[in-house]
Amino acid sequence: MTSTEDLEKLIPELQWIDDEDLKEKVIRVWIEATRRGGWNNVQEIPFTLSFKNSGTLIEHTRRVAKLVKSVASQRDEEINMNHLIAGALLHDIGKALEYEKVGNEIRVSEYGKKVRHPISGANLARELGVPEEVAHIIESHSHEGDKMKRSKESIIVHHCDFIDFELRRREVEGD
């Protein structure tokens, strides 16, 4: 089972969240999603099933967090960095529920066939007391958010997520 200490080592970007209460909630969401999804280890959760050898969810999450921090540092408008980083670290947390490991196979779970990760992740985050602004980032980061008015922070996470997706796919599949 994944612990707070494990997550702090695996995701050093958690330290970028200045709000200690929010940081603790982000960690709680990771732990609870891993538990509910039946994962023995958070490092087993894949980034995506859309292409082979995508890497782990942790690796993708860290890359997105670095990208959003870099983008936000170049902007002049006011951006809530705590919400931005928390949203980046949680944007795909629903994949712990959308996917399952059965033997050596990782596949879409029965739950995941009904509820995609942006919705399951946002629902879990809300249940565990994460601020609405962060839940909004989670639920609107993917195509589900195309009909919503995204916050500034959500726009950044949305685009950084797709940048990482496309670049990782090219890296794995070749140009």
N, C-alpha and C. Protein backbone atom coordinates (compact mmCIF):
# COMPACT_ATOMS: atom_id res chain seq x y z
N MET A 1 0.84 -1.19 0.00
CA MET A 1 0.00 0.00 0.00
C MET A 1 0.89 1.26 0.00
N THR A 2 0.49 2.24 -0.73
CA THR A 2 1.25 3.47 -0.87
C THR A 2 1.01 4.36 0.36
N SER A 3 2.09 4.93 0.88
CA SER A 3 2.01 5.79 2.07
C SER A 3 2.31 7.24 1.69
N THR A 4 2.07 8.13 2.64
CA THR A 4 2.39 9.55 2.46
C THR A 4 3.87 9.70 2.13
N GLU A 5 4.71 8.99 2.87
CA GLU A 5 6.16 9.08 2.66
C GLU A 5 6.54 8.61 1.25
N ASP A 6 5.89 7.52 0.80
CA ASP A 6 6.15 7.03 -0.57
C ASP A 6 5.83 8.12 -1.60
N LEU A 7 4.65 8.73 -1.45
CA LEU A 7 4.23 9.74 -2.42
C LEU A 7 5.14 10.96 -2.39
N GLU A 8 5.56 11.38 -1.22
CA GLU A 8 6.45 12.54 -1.13
C GLU A 8 7.78 12.27 -1.83
N LYS A 9 8.24 11.01 -1.81
CA LYS A 9 9.47 10.66 -2.52
C LYS A 9 9.22 10.54 -4.02
N LEU A 10 8.10 9.93 -4.39
CA LEU A 10 7.79 9.70 -5.80
C LEU A 10 7.38 10.97 -6.53
N ILE A 11 6.77 11.91 -5.79
CA ILE A 11 6.27 13.15 -6.41
C ILE A 11 6.84 14.35 -5.62
N PRO A 12 8.11 14.67 -5.82
CA PRO A 12 8.69 15.79 -5.08
C PRO A 12 8.02 17.13 -5.38
N GLU A 13 7.29 17.20 -6.50
CA GLU A 13 6.58 18.43 -6.87
C GLU A 13 5.47 18.77 -5.87
N LEU A 14 5.11 17.84 -5.01
CA LEU A 14 4.16 18.14 -3.93
C LEU A 14 4.65 19.31 -3.08
N GLN A 15 5.96 19.45 -2.99
CA GLN A 15 6.55 20.53 -2.17
C GLN A 15 6.28 21.90 -2.76
N TRP A 16 5.84 21.96 -4.01
CA TRP A 16 5.52 23.24 -4.64
C TRP A 16 4.19 23.80 -4.14
N ILE A 17 3.42 22.98 -3.43
CA ILE A 17 2.14 23.45 -2.86
C ILE A 17 2.43 24.05 -1.49
N ASP A 18 2.24 25.37 -1.37
CA ASP A 18 2.53 26.08 -0.12
C ASP A 18 1.47 25.82 0.96
N ASP A 19 0.26 25.56 0.55
CA ASP A 19 -0.86 25.35 1.46
C ASP A 19 -0.78 23.91 1.99
N GLU A 20 -0.38 23.76 3.24
CA GLU A 20 -0.16 22.42 3.82
C GLU A 20 -1.44 21.59 3.84
N ASP A 21 -2.58 22.23 4.11
CA ASP A 21 -3.85 21.50 4.11
C ASP A 21 -4.15 20.95 2.72
N LEU A 22 -3.96 21.76 1.70
CA LEU A 22 -4.19 21.32 0.32
C LEU A 22 -3.22 20.20 -0.05
N LYS A 23 -1.96 20.34 0.33
CA LYS A 23 -0.97 19.31 0.03
C LYS A 23 -1.39 17.97 0.66
N GLU A 24 -1.84 18.01 1.91
CA GLU A 24 -2.29 16.79 2.58
C GLU A 24 -3.49 16.18 1.87
N LYS A 25 -4.39 17.02 1.37
CA LYS A 25 -5.57 16.51 0.65
C LYS A 25 -5.17 15.88 -0.67
N VAL A 26 -4.22 16.46 -1.37
CA VAL A 26 -3.72 15.89 -2.62
C VAL A 26 -3.15 14.49 -2.34
N ILE A 27 -2.38 14.38 -1.30
CA ILE A 27 -1.80 13.08 -0.93
C ILE A 27 -2.90 12.09 -0.58
N ARG A 28 -3.90 12.53 0.19
CA ARG A 28 -5.01 11.65 0.58
C ARG A 28 -5.77 11.14 -0.65
N VAL A 29 -5.95 12.01 -1.64
CA VAL A 29 -6.65 11.59 -2.86
C VAL A 29 -5.84 10.51 -3.58
N TRP A 30 -4.54 10.68 -3.70
CA TRP A 30 -3.69 9.66 -4.33
C TRP A 30 -3.80 8.33 -3.59
N ILE A 31 -3.70 8.38 -2.28
CA ILE A 31 -3.75 7.15 -1.48
C ILE A 31 -5.11 6.47 -1.61
N GLU A 32 -6.18 7.25 -1.52
CA GLU A 32 -7.52 6.68 -1.59
C GLU A 32 -7.83 6.14 -2.99
N ALA A 33 -7.41 6.84 -4.03
CA ALA A 33 -7.65 6.35 -5.39
C ALA A 33 -6.90 5.05 -5.62
N THR A 34 -5.69 4.97 -5.13
CA THR A 34 -4.89 3.75 -5.27
C THR A 34 -5.57 2.59 -4.52
N ARG A 35 -6.05 2.86 -3.32
CA ARG A 35 -6.73 1.84 -2.52
C ARG A 35 -8.02 1.38 -3.20
N ARG A 36 -8.86 2.33 -3.60
CA ARG A 36 -10.14 1.99 -4.23
C ARG A 36 -9.96 1.27 -5.56
N GLY A 37 -8.91 1.62 -6.27
CA GLY A 37 -8.64 0.98 -7.55
C GLY A 37 -8.03 -0.40 -7.42
N GLY A 38 -7.67 -0.78 -6.20
CA GLY A 38 -7.10 -2.10 -5.96
C GLY A 38 -5.65 -2.25 -6.37
N TRP A 39 -4.94 -1.14 -6.45
CA TRP A 39 -3.53 -1.17 -6.84
C TRP A 39 -2.66 -1.47 -5.62
N ASN A 40 -1.70 -2.37 -5.76
CA ASN A 40 -0.76 -2.66 -4.67
C ASN A 40 0.27 -1.56 -4.54
N ASN A 41 0.57 -0.92 -5.65
CA ASN A 41 1.63 0.08 -5.69
C ASN A 41 1.23 1.15 -6.70
N VAL A 42 1.35 2.39 -6.31
CA VAL A 42 0.97 3.51 -7.18
C VAL A 42 1.78 3.52 -8.48
N GLN A 43 2.97 2.93 -8.44
CA GLN A 43 3.82 2.92 -9.63
C GLN A 43 3.37 1.90 -10.69
N GLU A 44 2.36 1.09 -10.37
CA GLU A 44 1.81 0.15 -11.34
C GLU A 44 0.83 0.82 -12.29
N ILE A 45 0.29 1.95 -11.90
CA ILE A 45 -0.77 2.60 -12.68
C ILE A 45 -0.15 3.21 -13.95
N PRO A 46 -0.67 2.82 -15.12
CA PRO A 46 -0.10 3.35 -16.36
C PRO A 46 -0.56 4.78 -16.64
N PHE A 47 0.22 5.48 -17.42
CA PHE A 47 -0.15 6.82 -17.89
C PHE A 47 -1.39 6.71 -18.76
N THR A 48 -1.35 5.84 -19.76
CA THR A 48 -2.50 5.69 -20.67
C THR A 48 -2.49 4.30 -21.26
N LEU A 49 -3.67 3.85 -21.67
CA LEU A 49 -3.80 2.61 -22.41
C LEU A 49 -3.95 2.89 -23.90
N SER A 50 -3.85 4.16 -24.29
CA SER A 50 -4.03 4.57 -25.69
C SER A 50 -2.88 4.13 -26.59
N PHE A 51 -1.71 3.90 -26.00
CA PHE A 51 -0.57 3.38 -26.76
C PHE A 51 0.31 2.58 -25.81
N LYS A 52 1.02 1.62 -26.36
CA LYS A 52 1.87 0.73 -25.56
C LYS A 52 3.08 1.46 -25.01
N ASN A 53 3.57 0.97 -23.88
CA ASN A 53 4.78 1.50 -23.25
C ASN A 53 4.68 3.00 -22.96
N SER A 54 3.51 3.42 -22.49
CA SER A 54 3.29 4.84 -22.22
C SER A 54 4.04 5.33 -20.99
N GLY A 55 4.45 4.41 -20.14
CA GLY A 55 5.08 4.80 -18.89
C GLY A 55 4.04 4.83 -17.78
N THR A 56 4.44 5.37 -16.64
CA THR A 56 3.56 5.35 -15.48
C THR A 56 2.81 6.67 -15.32
N LEU A 57 1.71 6.58 -14.59
CA LEU A 57 0.93 7.78 -14.27
C LEU A 57 1.78 8.78 -13.48
N ILE A 58 2.61 8.28 -12.58
CA ILE A 58 3.48 9.16 -11.80
C ILE A 58 4.40 9.95 -12.72
N GLU A 59 5.02 9.28 -13.68
CA GLU A 59 5.94 9.97 -14.60
C GLU A 59 5.21 11.07 -15.37
N HIS A 60 4.05 10.72 -15.92
CA HIS A 60 3.26 11.71 -16.67
C HIS A 60 2.86 12.88 -15.77
N THR A 61 2.39 12.57 -14.59
CA THR A 61 1.95 13.60 -13.65
C THR A 61 3.08 14.57 -13.33
N ARG A 62 4.25 14.05 -13.11
CA ARG A 62 5.40 14.90 -12.80
C ARG A 62 5.77 15.79 -13.99
N ARG A 63 5.71 15.23 -15.20
CA ARG A 63 6.03 16.03 -16.39
C ARG A 63 5.02 17.16 -16.55
N VAL A 64 3.74 16.86 -16.35
CA VAL A 64 2.71 17.89 -16.48
C VAL A 64 2.90 18.96 -15.41
N ALA A 65 3.20 18.58 -14.19
CA ALA A 65 3.43 19.56 -13.11
C ALA A 65 4.58 20.51 -13.48
N LYS A 66 5.64 19.95 -14.03
CA LYS A 66 6.78 20.79 -14.44
C LYS A 66 6.39 21.74 -15.57
N LEU A 67 5.63 21.22 -16.53
CA LEU A 67 5.18 22.06 -17.63
C LEU A 67 4.29 23.21 -17.15
N VAL A 68 3.32 22.91 -16.29
CA VAL A 68 2.39 23.96 -15.85
C VAL A 68 3.11 25.03 -15.04
N LYS A 69 4.07 24.60 -14.24
CA LYS A 69 4.83 25.58 -13.45
C LYS A 69 5.62 26.50 -14.39
N SER A 70 6.20 25.93 -15.41
CA SER A 70 6.97 26.71 -16.37
C SER A 70 6.07 27.69 -17.13
N VAL A 71 4.92 27.21 -17.60
CA VAL A 71 3.99 28.09 -18.31
C VAL A 71 3.52 29.22 -17.41
N ALA A 72 3.10 28.89 -16.20
CA ALA A 72 2.58 29.90 -15.27
C ALA A 72 3.63 30.97 -14.95
N SER A 73 4.89 30.55 -14.89
CA SER A 73 5.95 31.51 -14.56
C SER A 73 6.16 32.56 -15.66
N GLN A 74 5.65 32.27 -16.86
CA GLN A 74 5.80 33.19 -17.98
C GLN A 74 4.59 34.10 -18.19
N ARG A 75 3.58 33.92 -17.38
CA ARG A 75 2.34 34.68 -17.53
C ARG A 75 2.29 35.87 -16.59
N ASP A 76 1.64 36.94 -17.01
CA ASP A 76 1.52 38.15 -16.19
C ASP A 76 0.25 38.16 -15.34
N GLU A 77 -0.79 37.44 -15.80
CA GLU A 77 -2.03 37.48 -15.03
C GLU A 77 -1.87 36.69 -13.72
N GLU A 78 -2.78 36.95 -12.81
CA GLU A 78 -2.73 36.26 -11.51
C GLU A 78 -3.20 34.82 -11.68
N ILE A 79 -2.35 33.90 -11.26
CA ILE A 79 -2.65 32.47 -11.33
C ILE A 79 -2.46 31.91 -9.93
N ASN A 80 -3.43 31.14 -9.47
CA ASN A 80 -3.32 30.51 -8.15
C ASN A 80 -2.41 29.29 -8.29
N MET A 81 -1.17 29.44 -7.87
CA MET A 81 -0.18 28.38 -8.05
C MET A 81 -0.51 27.14 -7.23
N ASN A 82 -1.07 27.31 -6.04
CA ASN A 82 -1.43 26.13 -5.25
C ASN A 82 -2.50 25.31 -5.96
N HIS A 83 -3.51 25.98 -6.49
CA HIS A 83 -4.56 25.27 -7.23
C HIS A 83 -4.00 24.67 -8.52
N LEU A 84 -3.16 25.41 -9.20
CA LEU A 84 -2.57 24.94 -10.45
C LEU A 84 -1.76 23.66 -10.23
N ILE A 85 -0.86 23.68 -9.26
CA ILE A 85 -0.01 22.52 -9.00
C ILE A 85 -0.85 21.35 -8.49
N ALA A 86 -1.78 21.62 -7.57
CA ALA A 86 -2.65 20.55 -7.07
C ALA A 86 -3.44 19.94 -8.22
N GLY A 87 -3.97 20.78 -9.10
CA GLY A 87 -4.72 20.28 -10.25
C GLY A 87 -3.85 19.46 -11.19
N ALA A 88 -2.63 19.90 -11.41
CA ALA A 88 -1.71 19.15 -12.26
C ALA A 88 -1.39 17.79 -11.63
N LEU A 89 -1.21 17.77 -10.33
CA LEU A 89 -0.86 16.52 -9.65
C LEU A 89 -2.04 15.56 -9.54
N LEU A 90 -3.25 16.09 -9.66
CA LEU A 90 -4.45 15.24 -9.54
C LEU A 90 -5.22 15.07 -10.85
N HIS A 91 -4.81 15.73 -11.92
CA HIS A 91 -5.65 15.76 -13.12
C HIS A 91 -6.03 14.36 -13.63
N ASP A 92 -5.16 13.40 -13.52
CA ASP A 92 -5.43 12.05 -14.03
C ASP A 92 -5.65 11.02 -12.92
N ILE A 93 -5.88 11.45 -11.71
CA ILE A 93 -5.99 10.51 -10.59
C ILE A 93 -7.12 9.51 -10.79
N GLY A 94 -8.15 9.88 -11.53
CA GLY A 94 -9.24 8.96 -11.81
C GLY A 94 -8.81 7.73 -12.61
N LYS A 95 -7.62 7.77 -13.22
CA LYS A 95 -7.14 6.59 -13.94
C LYS A 95 -6.89 5.42 -12.99
N ALA A 96 -6.64 5.71 -11.72
CA ALA A 96 -6.50 4.64 -10.73
C ALA A 96 -7.81 3.88 -10.56
N LEU A 97 -8.92 4.52 -10.92
CA LEU A 97 -10.25 3.89 -10.86
C LEU A 97 -10.70 3.41 -12.24
N GLU A 98 -10.27 4.10 -13.28
CA GLU A 98 -10.67 3.77 -14.65
C GLU A 98 -9.98 2.50 -15.14
N TYR A 99 -8.77 2.26 -14.65
CA TYR A 99 -8.00 1.09 -15.06
C TYR A 99 -7.96 0.08 -13.92
N GLU A 100 -7.66 -1.16 -14.26
CA GLU A 100 -7.46 -2.20 -13.25
C GLU A 100 -6.41 -3.17 -13.75
N LYS A 101 -5.76 -3.82 -12.77
CA LYS A 101 -4.77 -4.84 -13.10
C LYS A 101 -5.36 -6.19 -12.74
N VAL A 102 -5.41 -7.06 -13.73
CA VAL A 102 -5.90 -8.42 -13.54
C VAL A 102 -4.80 -9.35 -14.02
N GLY A 103 -4.15 -10.02 -13.09
CA GLY A 103 -2.97 -10.81 -13.44
C GLY A 103 -1.88 -9.87 -13.91
N ASN A 104 -1.38 -10.11 -15.11
CA ASN A 104 -0.36 -9.22 -15.69
C ASN A 104 -0.95 -8.22 -16.66
N GLU A 105 -2.27 -8.26 -16.83
CA GLU A 105 -2.94 -7.38 -17.79
C GLU A 105 -3.52 -6.15 -17.09
N ILE A 106 -3.32 -5.01 -17.73
CA ILE A 106 -3.97 -3.78 -17.27
C ILE A 106 -5.00 -3.42 -18.32
N ARG A 107 -6.23 -3.16 -17.86
CA ARG A 107 -7.34 -2.90 -18.78
C ARG A 107 -8.28 -1.88 -18.16
N VAL A 108 -9.25 -1.44 -18.95
CA VAL A 108 -10.29 -0.55 -18.44
C VAL A 108 -11.19 -1.37 -17.52
N SER A 109 -11.43 -0.84 -16.34
CA SER A 109 -12.27 -1.51 -15.35
C SER A 109 -13.74 -1.39 -15.75
N GLU A 110 -14.59 -2.18 -15.12
CA GLU A 110 -16.03 -2.07 -15.37
C GLU A 110 -16.50 -0.66 -15.00
N TYR A 111 -16.01 -0.14 -13.88
CA TYR A 111 -16.35 1.22 -13.47
C TYR A 111 -15.86 2.23 -14.52
N GLY A 112 -14.64 2.02 -15.00
CA GLY A 112 -14.04 2.90 -15.99
C GLY A 112 -14.77 2.91 -17.33
N LYS A 113 -15.49 1.82 -17.62
CA LYS A 113 -16.29 1.77 -18.85
C LYS A 113 -17.51 2.69 -18.74
N LYS A 114 -17.89 3.02 -17.52
CA LYS A 114 -19.06 3.87 -17.28
C LYS A 114 -18.69 5.31 -16.94
N VAL A 115 -17.58 5.48 -16.23
CA VAL A 115 -17.18 6.80 -15.74
C VAL A 115 -15.72 7.05 -16.11
N ARG A 116 -15.49 8.04 -16.96
CA ARG A 116 -14.10 8.35 -17.34
C ARG A 116 -13.35 9.06 -16.22
N HIS A 117 -12.05 8.99 -16.31
CA HIS A 117 -11.18 9.47 -15.22
C HIS A 117 -11.35 10.94 -14.83
N PRO A 118 -11.66 11.87 -15.74
CA PRO A 118 -11.84 13.25 -15.27
C PRO A 118 -13.01 13.38 -14.28
N ILE A 119 -14.05 12.60 -14.50
CA ILE A 119 -15.23 12.69 -13.65
C ILE A 119 -15.00 11.93 -12.34
N SER A 120 -14.49 10.71 -12.44
CA SER A 120 -14.24 9.94 -11.21
C SER A 120 -13.19 10.62 -10.34
N GLY A 121 -12.17 11.20 -10.96
CA GLY A 121 -11.14 11.90 -10.19
C GLY A 121 -11.67 13.14 -9.50
N ALA A 122 -12.47 13.93 -10.22
CA ALA A 122 -13.06 15.14 -9.62
C ALA A 122 -14.02 14.77 -8.49
N ASN A 123 -14.82 13.72 -8.70
CA ASN A 123 -15.75 13.30 -7.65
C ASN A 123 -15.01 12.86 -6.39
N LEU A 124 -13.95 12.09 -6.55
CA LEU A 124 -13.17 11.65 -5.40
C LEU A 124 -12.52 12.84 -4.70
N ALA A 125 -11.97 13.75 -5.48
CA ALA A 125 -11.34 14.94 -4.89
C ALA A 125 -12.35 15.74 -4.07
N ARG A 126 -13.53 15.94 -4.61
CA ARG A 126 -14.58 16.67 -3.86
C ARG A 126 -14.94 15.92 -2.58
N GLU A 127 -15.11 14.61 -2.70
CA GLU A 127 -15.46 13.79 -1.53
C GLU A 127 -14.43 13.96 -0.41
N LEU A 128 -13.17 14.13 -0.77
CA LEU A 128 -12.10 14.23 0.22
C LEU A 128 -11.75 15.68 0.57
N GLY A 129 -12.59 16.62 0.15
CA GLY A 129 -12.46 18.00 0.60
C GLY A 129 -11.52 18.89 -0.17
N VAL A 130 -11.11 18.47 -1.36
CA VAL A 130 -10.25 19.31 -2.20
C VAL A 130 -11.08 20.50 -2.67
N PRO A 131 -10.50 21.69 -2.73
CA PRO A 131 -11.27 22.87 -3.16
C PRO A 131 -11.90 22.69 -4.54
N GLU A 132 -13.04 23.32 -4.72
CA GLU A 132 -13.79 23.23 -5.98
C GLU A 132 -12.94 23.66 -7.17
N GLU A 133 -12.08 24.65 -6.99
CA GLU A 133 -11.23 25.13 -8.09
C GLU A 133 -10.32 24.01 -8.60
N VAL A 134 -9.85 23.17 -7.69
CA VAL A 134 -8.98 22.05 -8.09
C VAL A 134 -9.81 20.94 -8.73
N ALA A 135 -10.98 20.64 -8.16
CA ALA A 135 -11.87 19.64 -8.76
C ALA A 135 -12.24 20.06 -10.18
N HIS A 136 -12.46 21.35 -10.40
CA HIS A 136 -12.77 21.86 -11.74
C HIS A 136 -11.62 21.55 -12.71
N ILE A 137 -10.39 21.74 -12.28
CA ILE A 137 -9.24 21.44 -13.14
C ILE A 137 -9.26 19.96 -13.52
N ILE A 138 -9.51 19.09 -12.56
CA ILE A 138 -9.52 17.65 -12.81
C ILE A 138 -10.61 17.31 -13.83
N GLU A 139 -11.83 17.79 -13.60
CA GLU A 139 -12.94 17.38 -14.47
C GLU A 139 -12.91 18.05 -15.84
N SER A 140 -12.22 19.16 -15.97
CA SER A 140 -12.22 19.87 -17.26
C SER A 140 -10.92 19.74 -18.04
N HIS A 141 -9.96 18.95 -17.53
CA HIS A 141 -8.65 18.89 -18.19
C HIS A 141 -8.68 18.15 -19.53
N SER A 142 -9.65 17.29 -19.73
CA SER A 142 -9.71 16.49 -20.95
C SER A 142 -10.90 16.94 -21.80
N HIS A 143 -11.31 16.10 -22.72
CA HIS A 143 -12.39 16.47 -23.65
C HIS A 143 -13.70 16.77 -22.92
N GLU A 144 -13.89 16.20 -21.74
CA GLU A 144 -15.10 16.50 -20.97
C GLU A 144 -15.22 17.99 -20.68
N GLY A 145 -14.13 18.68 -20.65
CA GLY A 145 -14.14 20.11 -20.37
C GLY A 145 -14.34 21.01 -21.57
N ASP A 146 -14.43 20.42 -22.75
CA ASP A 146 -14.55 21.23 -23.96
C ASP A 146 -15.80 22.09 -23.99
N LYS A 147 -16.83 21.72 -23.30
CA LYS A 147 -18.08 22.50 -23.27
C LYS A 147 -18.18 23.38 -22.03
N MET A 148 -17.14 23.36 -21.19
CA MET A 148 -17.13 24.17 -19.97
C MET A 148 -16.32 25.43 -20.19
N LYS A 149 -16.55 26.40 -19.33
CA LYS A 149 -15.67 27.57 -19.29
C LYS A 149 -14.55 27.22 -18.31
N ARG A 150 -13.40 26.93 -18.86
CA ARG A 150 -12.26 26.53 -18.04
C ARG A 150 -11.67 27.74 -17.32
N SER A 151 -11.21 27.51 -16.09
CA SER A 151 -10.46 28.54 -15.37
C SER A 151 -9.09 28.71 -16.03
N LYS A 152 -8.37 29.77 -15.67
CA LYS A 152 -7.02 29.97 -16.21
C LYS A 152 -6.14 28.76 -15.89
N GLU A 153 -6.26 28.30 -14.64
CA GLU A 153 -5.45 27.17 -14.21
C GLU A 153 -5.80 25.90 -15.00
N SER A 154 -7.08 25.72 -15.27
CA SER A 154 -7.52 24.54 -16.03
C SER A 154 -7.04 24.60 -17.48
N ILE A 155 -7.04 25.78 -18.07
CA ILE A 155 -6.54 25.94 -19.44
C ILE A 155 -5.08 25.49 -19.51
N ILE A 156 -4.30 25.91 -18.54
CA ILE A 156 -2.88 25.55 -18.52
C ILE A 156 -2.71 24.04 -18.38
N VAL A 157 -3.41 23.42 -17.42
CA VAL A 157 -3.28 21.97 -17.22
C VAL A 157 -3.75 21.23 -18.47
N HIS A 158 -4.87 21.65 -19.03
CA HIS A 158 -5.42 21.01 -20.23
C HIS A 158 -4.37 20.95 -21.35
N HIS A 159 -3.77 22.07 -21.66
CA HIS A 159 -2.82 22.10 -22.77
C HIS A 159 -1.52 21.38 -22.43
N CYS A 160 -1.04 21.52 -21.23
CA CYS A 160 0.19 20.82 -20.84
C CYS A 160 -0.01 19.30 -20.84
N ASP A 161 -1.19 18.85 -20.45
CA ASP A 161 -1.51 17.43 -20.48
C ASP A 161 -1.43 16.91 -21.92
N PHE A 162 -2.03 17.62 -22.84
CA PHE A 162 -2.02 17.16 -24.23
C PHE A 162 -0.64 17.29 -24.87
N ILE A 163 0.13 18.29 -24.47
CA ILE A 163 1.52 18.39 -24.95
C ILE A 163 2.28 17.13 -24.52
N ASP A 164 2.16 16.78 -23.25
CA ASP A 164 2.90 15.60 -22.78
C ASP A 164 2.40 14.33 -23.45
N PHE A 165 1.09 14.20 -23.62
CA PHE A 165 0.52 13.02 -24.28
C PHE A 165 1.12 12.85 -25.67
N GLU A 166 1.06 13.90 -26.47
CA GLU A 166 1.53 13.81 -27.85
C GLU A 166 3.03 13.57 -27.94
N LEU A 167 3.79 14.26 -27.11
CA LEU A 167 5.25 14.07 -27.16
C LEU A 167 5.64 12.67 -26.69
N ARG A 168 4.98 12.17 -25.65
CA ARG A 168 5.29 10.82 -25.16
C ARG A 168 4.90 9.77 -26.21
N ARG A 169 3.77 9.95 -26.85
CA ARG A 169 3.34 8.99 -27.89
C ARG A 169 4.37 8.97 -29.03
N ARG A 170 4.81 10.13 -29.46
CA ARG A 170 5.83 10.18 -30.53
C ARG A 170 7.13 9.53 -30.10
N GLU A 171 7.50 9.76 -28.84
CA GLU A 171 8.74 9.18 -28.31
C GLU A 171 8.65 7.65 -28.36
N VAL A 172 7.51 7.11 -27.99
CA VAL A 172 7.34 5.65 -27.93
C VAL A 172 7.14 5.06 -29.32
N GLU A 173 6.30 5.70 -30.15
CA GLU A 173 5.96 5.14 -31.45
C GLU A 173 6.92 5.55 -32.55
N GLY A 174 7.71 6.58 -32.29
CA GLY A 174 8.60 7.10 -33.32
C GLY A 174 7.89 8.13 -34.19
N ASP A 175 8.65 8.98 -34.85
CA ASP A 175 8.05 10.04 -35.67
C ASP A 175 7.35 9.54 -36.89
